[in-house]
Amino acid sequence: QTGKHPALFQAIPINDSVETFAMMQRDLFLNTFLKGPMNKKNSLPTELNITFIESREMMFEKALADIQNAKDEMDNLASGDELPPEIMLAQKEALERGVRICTLFQKRNKENESFIKARVNMGEQIRLSQPLNARIVIFDKRVVYIMSHDPSDYIRSMGIRFEYAPLGQLMFQQFLQYWEKGTEL
């Protein structure tokens, strides 16, 4: 915007506008939800950790450590698409450690039927959900991944990882609402 009255507006490149919008949303989030102890260096609560995730592969890289560190539970709103073997192994080991894993699949078809059965056989609790075109993973009501999901291209995905217990609690409550509506296998 140039001037006040009359104002002249000019479009800016989409990358700049997305970055500006993301920064405004970040500031809104921080000012709304974060009231915890402050870190003198950057004035952010010391218990907050936000990571922007640029791809499905990056999500798996980050999530691998979170699966290995999970103590009590892992709740998923999953696309229903295949997982890398190292993620499947980490989930199997988590189940063996006593971590409860609940997954809502947004699709079930003949291509992923054996994948779903393998997860049930490992001890995972699974229900089916209507497509929501998002992926959400919650670890111990403390770490939350919120990812995009494009059913026409399941590999393409972007998102954000929050490590912040109050947000984890809120997202877990949201997950429970979807879980209760889910169809049992």
C-alpha atoms as a PDB file:
ATOM      1  CA  GLN A   1       0.000   0.000   0.000  1.00  0.00           C
ATOM      2  CA  THR A   2       1.261   3.453  -0.888  1.00  0.00           C
ATOM      3  CA  GLY A   3      -0.329   6.501   0.710  1.00  0.00           C
ATOM      4  CA  LYS A   4      -3.439   6.693   2.876  1.00  0.00           C
ATOM      5  CA  HIS A   5      -6.254   8.479   1.015  1.00  0.00           C
ATOM      6  CA  PRO A   6      -6.434   7.665  -1.801  1.00  0.00           C
ATOM      7  CA  ALA A   7      -4.343   4.534  -1.263  1.00  0.00           C
ATOM      8  CA  LEU A   8      -2.574   2.817  -4.116  1.00  0.00           C
ATOM      9  CA  PHE A   9      -2.105  -0.962  -3.887  1.00  0.00           C
ATOM     10  CA  GLN A  10       0.375  -3.101  -5.762  1.00  0.00           C
ATOM     11  CA  ALA A  11       0.689  -6.894  -5.727  1.00  0.00           C
ATOM     12  CA  ILE A  12       3.888  -8.357  -4.290  1.00  0.00           C
ATOM     13  CA  PRO A  13       5.454 -11.661  -5.364  1.00  0.00           C
ATOM     14  CA  ILE A  14       3.649 -14.673  -3.896  1.00  0.00           C
ATOM     15  CA  ASN A  15       6.753 -15.907  -2.034  1.00  0.00           C
ATOM     16  CA  ASP A  16       7.017 -12.557  -0.232  1.00  0.00           C
ATOM     17  CA  SER A  17       3.323 -12.510   0.644  1.00  0.00           C
ATOM     18  CA  VAL A  18       3.392 -16.097   1.949  1.00  0.00           C
ATOM     19  CA  GLU A  19       6.449 -15.306   4.062  1.00  0.00           C
ATOM     20  CA  THR A  20       4.801 -12.156   5.453  1.00  0.00           C
ATOM     21  CA  PHE A  21       1.609 -14.067   6.215  1.00  0.00           C
ATOM     22  CA  ALA A  22       3.568 -16.891   7.919  1.00  0.00           C
ATOM     23  CA  MET A  23       5.418 -14.395  10.105  1.00  0.00           C
ATOM     24  CA  MET A  24       2.148 -12.686  11.079  1.00  0.00           C
ATOM     25  CA  GLN A  25       0.614 -16.071  11.960  1.00  0.00           C
ATOM     26  CA  ARG A  26       3.716 -16.999  13.968  1.00  0.00           C
ATOM     27  CA  ASP A  27       3.518 -13.745  15.933  1.00  0.00           C
ATOM     28  CA  LEU A  28      -0.222 -14.218  16.503  1.00  0.00           C
ATOM     29  CA  PHE A  29       0.381 -17.762  17.759  1.00  0.00           C
ATOM     30  CA  LEU A  30       3.217 -16.720  20.054  1.00  0.00           C
ATOM     31  CA  ASN A  31       1.259 -13.809  21.502  1.00  0.00           C
ATOM     32  CA  THR A  32      -1.910 -15.871  21.962  1.00  0.00           C
ATOM     33  CA  PHE A  33      -0.658 -19.172  23.367  1.00  0.00           C
ATOM     34  CA  LEU A  34       2.715 -18.608  24.906  1.00  0.00           C
ATOM     35  CA  LYS A  35       2.761 -17.295  28.414  1.00  0.00           C
ATOM     36  CA  GLY A  36       5.544 -19.539  29.777  1.00  0.00           C
ATOM     37  CA  PRO A  37       9.009 -18.721  31.128  1.00  0.00           C
ATOM     38  CA  MET A  38      11.006 -16.536  28.782  1.00  0.00           C
ATOM     39  CA  ASN A  39      14.448 -17.117  27.362  1.00  0.00           C
ATOM     40  CA  LYS A  40      16.398 -13.821  27.662  1.00  0.00           C
ATOM     41  CA  LYS A  41      18.224 -14.356  24.376  1.00  0.00           C
ATOM     42  CA  ASN A  42      15.163 -14.413  22.097  1.00  0.00           C
ATOM     43  CA  SER A  43      12.203 -13.655  24.409  1.00  0.00           C
ATOM     44  CA  LEU A  44      10.514 -16.970  23.615  1.00  0.00           C
ATOM     45  CA  PRO A  45       9.365 -19.504  26.180  1.00  0.00           C
ATOM     46  CA  THR A  46      12.174 -21.991  26.685  1.00  0.00           C
ATOM     47  CA  GLU A  47       9.881 -24.988  26.298  1.00  0.00           C
ATOM     48  CA  LEU A  48       8.670 -24.044  22.790  1.00  0.00           C
ATOM     49  CA  ASN A  49      10.210 -25.566  19.696  1.00  0.00           C
ATOM     50  CA  ILE A  50       8.733 -24.887  16.250  1.00  0.00           C
ATOM     51  CA  THR A  51      10.082 -26.503  13.091  1.00  0.00           C
ATOM     52  CA  PHE A  52       8.756 -25.907   9.597  1.00  0.00           C
ATOM     53  CA  ILE A  53       8.661 -29.104   7.556  1.00  0.00           C
ATOM     54  CA  GLU A  54       9.153 -28.849   3.826  1.00  0.00           C
ATOM     55  CA  SER A  55       8.416 -32.418   2.690  1.00  0.00           C
ATOM     56  CA  ARG A  56       7.057 -35.799   3.683  1.00  0.00           C
ATOM     57  CA  GLU A  57      10.632 -37.120   3.833  1.00  0.00           C
ATOM     58  CA  MET A  58      11.662 -34.354   6.237  1.00  0.00           C
ATOM     59  CA  MET A  59       8.657 -35.233   8.390  1.00  0.00           C
ATOM     60  CA  PHE A  60       9.839 -38.842   8.601  1.00  0.00           C
ATOM     61  CA  GLU A  61      13.393 -37.762   9.480  1.00  0.00           C
ATOM     62  CA  LYS A  62      12.105 -35.641  12.382  1.00  0.00           C
ATOM     63  CA  ALA A  63       9.420 -38.123  13.446  1.00  0.00           C
ATOM     64  CA  LEU A  64      11.872 -41.021  13.690  1.00  0.00           C
ATOM     65  CA  ALA A  65      13.501 -39.466  16.762  1.00  0.00           C
ATOM     66  CA  ASP A  66      10.090 -38.623  18.240  1.00  0.00           C
ATOM     67  CA  ILE A  67       8.895 -42.217  17.780  1.00  0.00           C
ATOM     68  CA  GLN A  68      12.055 -43.515  19.437  1.00  0.00           C
ATOM     69  CA  ASN A  69      11.582 -41.087  22.347  1.00  0.00           C
ATOM     70  CA  ALA A  70       7.832 -41.656  22.809  1.00  0.00           C
ATOM     71  CA  LYS A  71       7.050 -42.897  26.295  1.00  0.00           C
ATOM     72  CA  ASP A  72       3.270 -43.325  26.500  1.00  0.00           C
ATOM     73  CA  GLU A  73       1.369 -42.747  23.282  1.00  0.00           C
ATOM     74  CA  MET A  74       1.415 -41.794  19.640  1.00  0.00           C
ATOM     75  CA  ASP A  75      -1.809 -40.657  17.980  1.00  0.00           C
ATOM     76  CA  ASN A  76      -2.046 -40.348  14.188  1.00  0.00           C
ATOM     77  CA  LEU A  77      -4.439 -39.007  11.632  1.00  0.00           C
ATOM     78  CA  ALA A  78      -2.765 -40.776   8.728  1.00  0.00           C
ATOM     79  CA  SER A  79      -3.297 -40.750   5.001  1.00  0.00           C
ATOM     80  CA  GLY A  80      -3.156 -44.534   4.724  1.00  0.00           C
ATOM     81  CA  ASP A  81      -0.187 -44.455   2.382  1.00  0.00           C
ATOM     82  CA  GLU A  82       2.940 -46.559   2.779  1.00  0.00           C
ATOM     83  CA  LEU A  83       5.596 -45.788   5.370  1.00  0.00           C
ATOM     84  CA  PRO A  84       9.372 -46.178   5.079  1.00  0.00           C
ATOM     85  CA  PRO A  85      10.689 -49.387   6.693  1.00  0.00           C
ATOM     86  CA  GLU A  86      12.655 -47.494   9.368  1.00  0.00           C
ATOM     87  CA  ILE A  87       9.437 -45.792  10.538  1.00  0.00           C
ATOM     88  CA  MET A  88       7.584 -49.112  10.660  1.00  0.00           C
ATOM     89  CA  LEU A  89      10.437 -50.632  12.670  1.00  0.00           C
ATOM     90  CA  ALA A  90      10.512 -47.670  15.079  1.00  0.00           C
ATOM     91  CA  GLN A  91       6.748 -47.983  15.597  1.00  0.00           C
ATOM     92  CA  LYS A  92       7.056 -51.732  16.207  1.00  0.00           C
ATOM     93  CA  GLU A  93       9.784 -51.089  18.792  1.00  0.00           C
ATOM     94  CA  ALA A  94       7.647 -48.373  20.422  1.00  0.00           C
ATOM     95  CA  LEU A  95       4.743 -50.802  20.734  1.00  0.00           C
ATOM     96  CA  GLU A  96       7.104 -53.341  22.302  1.00  0.00           C
ATOM     97  CA  ARG A  97       8.166 -50.668  24.841  1.00  0.00           C
ATOM     98  CA  GLY A  98       4.514 -50.222  25.803  1.00  0.00           C
ATOM     99  CA  VAL A  99       3.739 -47.111  23.774  1.00  0.00           C
ATOM    100  CA  ARG A 100       0.076 -47.065  22.726  1.00  0.00           C
ATOM    101  CA  ILE A 101      -0.324 -46.193  19.046  1.00  0.00           C
ATOM    102  CA  CYS A 102      -3.747 -45.145  17.744  1.00  0.00           C
ATOM    103  CA  THR A 103      -4.131 -44.389  14.056  1.00  0.00           C
ATOM    104  CA  LEU A 104      -7.056 -43.056  12.066  1.00  0.00           C
ATOM    105  CA  PHE A 105      -6.639 -43.959   8.399  1.00  0.00           C
ATOM    106  CA  GLN A 106      -8.226 -41.625   5.871  1.00  0.00           C
ATOM    107  CA  LYS A 107      -8.362 -44.295   3.197  1.00  0.00           C
ATOM    108  CA  ARG A 108      -8.637 -48.028   2.968  1.00  0.00           C
ATOM    109  CA  ASN A 109      -8.354 -49.854  -0.329  1.00  0.00           C
ATOM    110  CA  LYS A 110      -6.983 -53.098  -1.712  1.00  0.00           C
ATOM    111  CA  GLU A 111      -3.522 -51.519  -2.163  1.00  0.00           C
ATOM    112  CA  ASN A 112      -3.092 -50.707   1.540  1.00  0.00           C
ATOM    113  CA  GLU A 113      -5.073 -53.591   3.060  1.00  0.00           C
ATOM    114  CA  SER A 114      -1.970 -55.689   3.838  1.00  0.00           C
ATOM    115  CA  PHE A 115      -0.256 -52.576   5.251  1.00  0.00           C
ATOM    116  CA  ILE A 116      -3.182 -51.996   7.619  1.00  0.00           C
ATOM    117  CA  LYS A 117      -3.278 -55.677   8.655  1.00  0.00           C
ATOM    118  CA  ALA A 118       0.465 -55.644   9.395  1.00  0.00           C
ATOM    119  CA  ARG A 119       0.005 -52.644  11.685  1.00  0.00           C
ATOM    120  CA  VAL A 120      -2.925 -54.281  13.484  1.00  0.00           C
ATOM    121  CA  ASN A 121      -0.839 -57.445  13.923  1.00  0.00           C
ATOM    122  CA  MET A 122       1.937 -55.336  15.510  1.00  0.00           C
ATOM    123  CA  GLY A 123      -0.560 -54.159  18.134  1.00  0.00           C
ATOM    124  CA  GLU A 124      -1.547 -50.770  16.758  1.00  0.00           C
ATOM    125  CA  GLN A 125      -5.133 -49.616  17.336  1.00  0.00           C
ATOM    126  CA  ILE A 126      -6.658 -48.577  14.027  1.00  0.00           C
ATOM    127  CA  ARG A 127      -9.888 -46.938  12.936  1.00  0.00           C
ATOM    128  CA  LEU A 128     -11.030 -45.458   9.652  1.00  0.00           C
ATOM    129  CA  SER A 129     -11.874 -41.797   9.148  1.00  0.00           C
ATOM    130  CA  GLN A 130     -13.439 -39.688   6.455  1.00  0.00           C
ATOM    131  CA  PRO A 131     -10.787 -37.879   4.382  1.00  0.00           C
ATOM    132  CA  LEU A 132      -9.670 -34.669   6.079  1.00  0.00           C
ATOM    133  CA  ASN A 133      -6.751 -33.944   3.716  1.00  0.00           C
ATOM    134  CA  ALA A 134      -4.315 -33.447   6.577  1.00  0.00           C
ATOM    135  CA  ARG A 135      -1.857 -35.536   8.542  1.00  0.00           C
ATOM    136  CA  ILE A 136      -1.570 -35.043  12.290  1.00  0.00           C
ATOM    137  CA  VAL A 137       0.744 -36.896  14.653  1.00  0.00           C
ATOM    138  CA  ILE A 138       0.823 -36.324  18.416  1.00  0.00           C
ATOM    139  CA  PHE A 139       3.546 -37.769  20.640  1.00  0.00           C
ATOM    140  CA  ASP A 140       2.869 -37.987  24.386  1.00  0.00           C
ATOM    141  CA  LYS A 141       0.488 -34.999  24.195  1.00  0.00           C
ATOM    142  CA  ARG A 142       3.594 -32.838  23.833  1.00  0.00           C
ATOM    143  CA  VAL A 143       4.927 -32.955  20.257  1.00  0.00           C
ATOM    144  CA  VAL A 144       2.535 -32.235  17.377  1.00  0.00           C
ATOM    145  CA  TYR A 145       3.004 -32.523  13.631  1.00  0.00           C
ATOM    146  CA  ILE A 146       0.419 -30.877  11.392  1.00  0.00           C
ATOM    147  CA  MET A 147       1.010 -31.708   7.731  1.00  0.00           C
ATOM    148  CA  SER A 148      -0.818 -31.109   4.478  1.00  0.00           C
ATOM    149  CA  HIS A 149      -2.047 -34.107   2.509  1.00  0.00           C
ATOM    150  CA  ASP A 150      -2.925 -34.072  -1.166  1.00  0.00           C
ATOM    151  CA  PRO A 151      -4.748 -37.328  -2.027  1.00  0.00           C
ATOM    152  CA  SER A 152      -3.740 -36.980  -5.680  1.00  0.00           C
ATOM    153  CA  ASP A 153      -0.022 -36.731  -4.748  1.00  0.00           C
ATOM    154  CA  TYR A 154       0.613 -38.255  -1.305  1.00  0.00           C
ATOM    155  CA  ILE A 155       4.361 -37.580  -1.507  1.00  0.00           C
ATOM    156  CA  ARG A 156       3.865 -33.807  -1.673  1.00  0.00           C
ATOM    157  CA  SER A 157       3.433 -32.401   1.814  1.00  0.00           C
ATOM    158  CA  MET A 158       4.343 -29.413   3.961  1.00  0.00           C
ATOM    159  CA  GLY A 159       3.753 -28.737   7.611  1.00  0.00           C
ATOM    160  CA  ILE A 160       4.940 -27.706  11.008  1.00  0.00           C
ATOM    161  CA  ARG A 161       6.196 -29.456  14.147  1.00  0.00           C
ATOM    162  CA  PHE A 162       5.404 -27.984  17.551  1.00  0.00           C
ATOM    163  CA  GLU A 163       7.000 -29.127  20.760  1.00  0.00           C
ATOM    164  CA  TYR A 164       4.755 -27.455  23.306  1.00  0.00           C
ATOM    165  CA  ALA A 165       2.650 -29.356  25.851  1.00  0.00           C
ATOM    166  CA  PRO A 166      -0.380 -26.984  25.931  1.00  0.00           C
ATOM    167  CA  LEU A 167      -0.782 -27.289  22.156  1.00  0.00           C
ATOM    168  CA  GLY A 168      -0.227 -31.044  22.422  1.00  0.00           C
ATOM    169  CA  GLN A 169      -3.082 -31.308  24.923  1.00  0.00           C
ATOM    170  CA  LEU A 170      -5.405 -29.285  22.672  1.00  0.00           C
ATOM    171  CA  MET A 171      -4.568 -31.332  19.589  1.00  0.00           C
ATOM    172  CA  PHE A 172      -5.007 -34.579  21.513  1.00  0.00           C
ATOM    173  CA  GLN A 173      -8.531 -33.498  22.500  1.00  0.00           C
ATOM    174  CA  GLN A 174      -9.252 -32.742  18.834  1.00  0.00           C
ATOM    175  CA  PHE A 175      -7.844 -36.127  17.833  1.00  0.00           C
ATOM    176  CA  LEU A 176     -10.114 -37.866  20.366  1.00  0.00           C
ATOM    177  CA  GLN A 177     -13.164 -36.297  18.733  1.00  0.00           C
ATOM    178  CA  TYR A 178     -12.148 -37.753  15.359  1.00  0.00           C
ATOM    179  CA  TRP A 179     -11.215 -41.071  17.001  1.00  0.00           C
ATOM    180  CA  GLU A 180     -14.694 -41.431  18.534  1.00  0.00           C
ATOM    181  CA  LYS A 181     -16.274 -40.823  15.109  1.00  0.00           C
ATOM    182  CA  GLY A 182     -13.924 -43.304  13.418  1.00  0.00           C
ATOM    183  CA  THR A 183     -15.099 -46.667  12.144  1.00  0.00           C
ATOM    184  CA  GLU A 184     -13.613 -49.687  13.874  1.00  0.00           C
ATOM    185  CA  LEU A 185     -12.021 -52.397  11.728  1.00  0.00           C
END
